Protein backbone atom coordinates (compact mmCIF):
# COMPACT_ATOMS: atom_id res chain seq x y z
CA UNK A 1 -11.41 -1.77 27.99
CA UNK A 2 -14.86 -2.87 29.18
CA UNK A 3 -17.68 -0.65 30.37
CA UNK A 4 -20.83 -1.55 32.24
CA UNK A 5 -23.89 0.66 32.50
CA UNK A 6 -25.84 0.82 35.76
CA UNK A 7 -29.58 0.44 35.30
CA UNK A 8 -31.19 0.16 38.76
CA UNK A 9 -34.65 -0.78 37.45
CA UNK A 10 -33.45 -3.54 35.11
CA UNK A 11 -34.58 -7.11 35.69
CA UNK A 12 -32.02 -8.64 33.34
CA UNK A 13 -28.23 -8.47 33.23
CA UNK A 14 -26.88 -5.20 31.78
CA UNK A 15 -25.19 -4.98 28.39
CA UNK A 16 -21.42 -5.22 28.36
CA UNK A 17 -19.76 -2.56 26.23
CA UNK A 18 -16.25 -3.39 25.10
CA UNK A 19 -14.02 -0.97 23.17
CA UNK A 20 -12.42 -2.97 20.34
CA UNK A 21 -10.60 -0.16 18.53
CA UNK A 22 -9.94 3.55 18.68
CA UNK A 23 -8.38 6.22 16.46
CA UNK A 24 -6.14 8.90 18.00
CA UNK A 25 -6.96 12.50 17.11
CA UNK A 26 -9.96 13.85 15.29
CA UNK A 27 -10.43 12.45 11.78
CA UNK A 28 -10.85 14.93 8.95
CA UNK A 29 -14.41 14.35 7.80
CA UNK A 30 -15.34 16.26 4.62
CA UNK A 31 -18.02 18.96 5.05
CA UNK A 32 -21.44 17.55 4.22
CA UNK A 33 -20.08 13.99 4.19
CA UNK A 34 -22.35 11.02 3.73
CA UNK A 35 -21.70 8.26 6.27
CA UNK A 36 -22.20 4.78 4.89
CA UNK A 37 -21.58 1.36 6.37
CA UNK A 38 -20.94 -1.51 3.99
CA UNK A 39 -20.34 -5.23 4.36
CA UNK A 40 -17.61 -6.66 2.12
CA UNK A 41 -17.42 -10.43 1.63
CA UNK A 42 -14.25 -11.73 0.00
CA UNK A 43 -14.46 -15.14 -1.68
CA UNK A 44 -11.57 -17.54 -0.98
CA UNK A 45 -8.34 -16.14 -2.46
CA UNK A 46 -9.97 -12.88 -3.63
CA UNK A 47 -7.48 -10.08 -4.34
CA UNK A 48 -10.10 -7.55 -3.19
CA UNK A 49 -10.46 -4.10 -4.70
CA UNK A 50 -7.73 -2.69 -6.93
CA UNK A 51 -5.53 0.07 -5.44
CA UNK A 52 -7.83 2.98 -4.65
CA UNK A 53 -8.50 5.94 -2.36
CA UNK A 54 -11.49 7.19 -0.42
CA UNK A 55 -12.73 10.79 -0.32
CA UNK A 56 -12.96 10.67 3.47
CA UNK A 57 -11.95 8.49 6.42
CA UNK A 58 -13.01 4.87 6.82
CA UNK A 59 -13.11 2.69 9.93
CA UNK A 60 -13.61 -1.05 9.76
CA UNK A 61 -13.89 -4.31 11.64
CA UNK A 62 -12.98 -7.79 10.37
CA UNK A 63 -15.93 -10.11 11.00
CA UNK A 64 -14.44 -13.39 9.83
CA UNK A 65 -11.37 -14.79 8.13
CA UNK A 66 -8.20 -12.84 7.37
CA UNK A 67 -7.67 -9.73 5.27
CA UNK A 68 -4.40 -8.50 3.75
CA UNK A 69 -4.38 -4.77 4.50
CA UNK A 70 -1.95 -2.20 3.11
CA UNK A 71 -2.07 1.59 3.09
CA UNK A 72 0.45 3.86 1.43
CA UNK A 73 3.50 4.36 3.66
CA UNK A 74 2.64 1.43 5.95
CA UNK A 75 3.80 -2.17 5.74
CA UNK A 76 1.39 -4.82 4.55
CA UNK A 77 -0.24 -6.68 7.44
CA UNK A 78 -2.76 -9.44 7.99
CA UNK A 79 -5.88 -8.53 9.95
CA UNK A 80 -7.90 -11.32 11.53
CA UNK A 81 -11.47 -11.61 12.76
CA UNK A 82 -11.92 -9.14 15.63
CA UNK A 83 -9.28 -6.67 14.37
CA UNK A 84 -10.13 -3.09 13.45
CA UNK A 85 -8.58 -0.87 10.79
CA UNK A 86 -8.48 2.83 9.97
CA UNK A 87 -7.93 4.73 6.74
CA UNK A 88 -7.56 8.51 6.75
CA UNK A 89 -8.94 8.87 3.22
CA UNK A 90 -8.02 11.78 0.96
CA UNK A 91 -4.77 11.37 -0.94
CA UNK A 92 -3.63 8.13 0.77
CA UNK A 93 -3.69 5.04 -1.48
CA UNK A 94 -5.24 1.85 -0.14
CA UNK A 95 -3.21 -0.84 -1.92
CA UNK A 96 -4.70 -4.06 -0.60
CA UNK A 97 -7.82 -5.45 1.06
CA UNK A 98 -7.69 -9.02 -0.22
CA UNK A 99 -8.59 -12.33 1.39
CA UNK A 100 -5.53 -13.96 2.97
CA UNK A 101 -7.29 -17.35 2.95
CA UNK A 102 -7.39 -19.58 -0.13
CA UNK A 103 -10.00 -21.94 1.32
CA UNK A 104 -12.50 -19.75 3.20
CA UNK A 105 -14.45 -16.52 2.89
CA UNK A 106 -13.35 -13.44 4.77
CA UNK A 107 -15.63 -10.50 5.57
CA UNK A 108 -15.36 -7.04 7.03
CA UNK A 109 -17.69 -4.16 7.74
CA UNK A 110 -16.52 -0.60 7.18
CA UNK A 111 -18.06 2.82 7.81
CA UNK A 112 -16.91 5.50 5.39
CA UNK A 113 -17.44 9.25 5.41
CA UNK A 114 -17.65 10.15 1.73
CA UNK A 115 -17.39 13.69 0.38
CA UNK A 116 -20.67 14.83 -1.25
CA UNK A 117 -20.99 13.79 -4.87
CA UNK A 118 -17.87 11.59 -4.75
CA UNK A 119 -17.83 7.83 -5.23
CA UNK A 120 -17.22 5.48 -2.30
CA UNK A 121 -13.81 4.63 -3.77
CA UNK A 122 -11.77 5.81 -6.72
CA UNK A 123 -9.33 3.42 -8.43
CA UNK A 124 -5.74 4.66 -8.81
CA UNK A 125 -4.20 4.46 -12.30
CA UNK A 126 -1.11 2.38 -13.09
CA UNK A 127 0.69 5.62 -14.01
CA UNK A 128 0.01 7.19 -10.61
CA UNK A 129 1.04 3.99 -8.82
CA UNK A 130 4.34 4.12 -10.70
CA UNK A 131 4.86 7.82 -9.88
CA UNK A 132 4.27 7.14 -6.15
CA UNK A 133 6.14 3.83 -5.86
CA UNK A 134 8.65 5.43 -3.46
CA UNK A 135 5.80 5.99 -0.96
CA UNK A 136 4.96 2.29 -0.75
CA UNK A 137 6.49 0.35 2.14
CA UNK A 138 8.73 -2.60 1.23
CA UNK A 139 6.68 -5.75 0.67
CA UNK A 140 7.36 -9.20 2.11
């Protein structure tokens, strides 16, 4: 979807606004949340962060390369430059955010809404991963 803004007094071409991703329904943002936007650069072959969760929702955009993305209950998928992704946060485990390329960097930007006083991400223990293994989608 592309939008164009009318600006009758402008002497240059108008900006083009293109929607590249949306999220259905209102996300549950923790009261008093801190919004932060971070840039993550993954070296070639990087496994990314260990399995973790966020205290609030996160919305991201892949800038370059390819990212392996997997949330609890969803199949693993490869996101490429220009793709967006959504995480609801809370109890949902984010299993993977690694670089799918062995010979090039990948990078993404993500805006997170963190609950006050909580870290940006919290690693999940091996014991909890084992207890919740039935919630993980089959892997390729």
